Protein backbone atom coordinates (compact mmCIF):
# COMPACT_ATOMS: atom_id res chain seq x y z
CA MET A 1 78.98 45.61 104.24
CA LEU A 2 82.68 44.77 104.33
CA ALA A 3 83.42 41.04 104.30
CA HIS A 4 86.89 40.19 105.69
CA TYR A 5 88.37 36.91 104.49
CA GLY A 6 91.65 35.81 106.03
CA TYR A 7 93.33 35.74 109.42
CA LYS A 8 95.45 37.60 111.94
CA ASP A 9 98.59 36.18 113.54
CA GLY A 10 101.73 37.41 115.28
CA SER A 11 103.22 38.69 112.04
CA GLY A 12 100.21 40.78 110.95
CA ASP A 13 96.72 40.97 109.51
CA TYR A 14 96.13 39.12 106.25
CA PHE A 15 92.71 39.83 104.82
CA ILE A 16 91.10 40.22 101.42
CA ILE A 17 88.23 42.65 102.00
CA ILE A 18 85.22 42.70 99.71
CA ASP A 19 82.66 45.48 99.89
CA THR A 20 79.44 43.57 99.26
CA ASP A 21 77.59 46.81 98.47
CA LYS A 22 80.00 47.56 95.61
CA CYS A 23 80.55 44.05 94.24
CA ASN A 24 78.33 43.46 91.21
CA GLY A 25 79.22 39.79 90.78
CA CYS A 26 80.85 40.26 87.36
CA GLY A 27 83.45 37.54 88.07
CA LYS A 28 86.44 39.34 86.54
CA CYS A 29 88.39 38.98 89.78
CA VAL A 30 87.76 35.23 89.82
CA GLU A 31 89.04 34.88 86.25
CA THR A 32 92.12 37.04 86.98
CA CYS A 33 93.21 35.26 90.18
CA PRO A 34 96.07 32.85 89.27
CA PRO A 35 95.82 30.63 92.41
CA ARG A 36 91.99 30.61 92.26
CA VAL A 37 91.56 32.18 95.69
CA LEU A 38 88.28 33.86 94.73
CA GLU A 39 84.89 32.42 93.81
CA LEU A 40 81.39 33.73 93.14
CA ILE A 41 78.72 32.93 95.71
CA ASP A 42 75.06 33.84 96.18
CA ASP A 43 74.74 37.31 97.67
CA GLU A 44 72.47 36.61 100.62
CA TYR A 45 72.38 40.32 101.50
CA ASP A 46 70.92 41.37 98.13
CA ILE A 47 67.10 41.33 98.17
CA GLU A 48 66.98 40.84 94.40
CA GLY A 49 69.47 37.98 94.50
CA GLY A 50 72.69 37.88 92.54
CA LEU A 51 76.30 36.92 92.99
CA MET A 52 79.26 38.37 94.85
CA ALA A 53 82.95 37.56 95.11
CA ALA A 54 84.32 35.72 98.14
CA VAL A 55 87.48 33.89 99.18
CA THR A 56 87.17 30.11 98.98
CA ASP A 57 87.13 28.17 102.25
CA GLU A 58 90.32 26.41 101.16
CA HIS A 59 92.29 29.68 101.08
CA ARG A 60 90.90 31.65 104.05
CA LYS A 61 93.42 30.38 106.61
CA LYS A 62 96.40 30.66 104.26
CA ILE A 63 95.62 33.85 102.35
CA LYS A 64 99.11 35.28 103.00
CA TYR A 65 100.64 32.34 101.16
CA SER A 66 97.96 31.89 98.51
CA CYS A 67 98.19 35.53 97.46
CA GLY A 68 101.97 35.66 97.94
CA PRO A 69 102.87 35.17 94.26
CA CYS A 70 100.82 38.25 93.33
CA LYS A 71 102.30 40.44 96.09
CA PRO A 72 105.48 42.39 95.36
CA VAL A 73 108.58 41.84 97.47
CA SER A 74 108.68 45.59 98.02
CA GLY A 75 106.63 48.55 96.91
CA GLU A 76 102.94 49.24 96.61
CA ARG A 77 101.93 47.11 93.60
CA LYS A 78 98.28 46.09 93.72
CA LEU A 79 96.99 42.56 93.38
CA PRO A 80 95.52 41.63 89.96
CA CYS A 81 92.08 41.11 91.53
CA VAL A 82 92.17 44.66 92.94
CA LEU A 83 93.26 46.15 89.62
CA ILE A 84 90.59 44.36 87.55
CA CYS A 85 87.71 45.32 89.85
CA GLU A 86 85.90 48.18 88.11
CA THR A 87 83.70 48.93 91.13
CA LYS A 88 86.70 49.04 93.54
CA ALA A 89 85.04 46.44 95.76
CA ILE A 90 88.26 44.55 96.62
CA THR A 91 91.08 45.64 98.92
CA HIS A 92 93.64 43.86 101.05
CA SER A 93 95.13 44.54 104.47
CA TRP A 94 98.82 43.82 103.95
């Protein structure tokens, strides 16, 4: 399942997308995130239990600004959380 964390406004879509089927709850993305946008939560979709990455409630409505320091002014550079994710569970929409 794809979990979309963020918002949409007149200037665009701003979402961090986490594939809950791919996320193994390792926590590397949480450690790598400078503004601490990500956290580990209980994976309620996993029958065996476990953890998964999610965007904190505090950052969901301001993800464009919270993740801004990691985004390049121009070009296609990836966010540190995307680069560190070995399972490729994290993407972003802008």
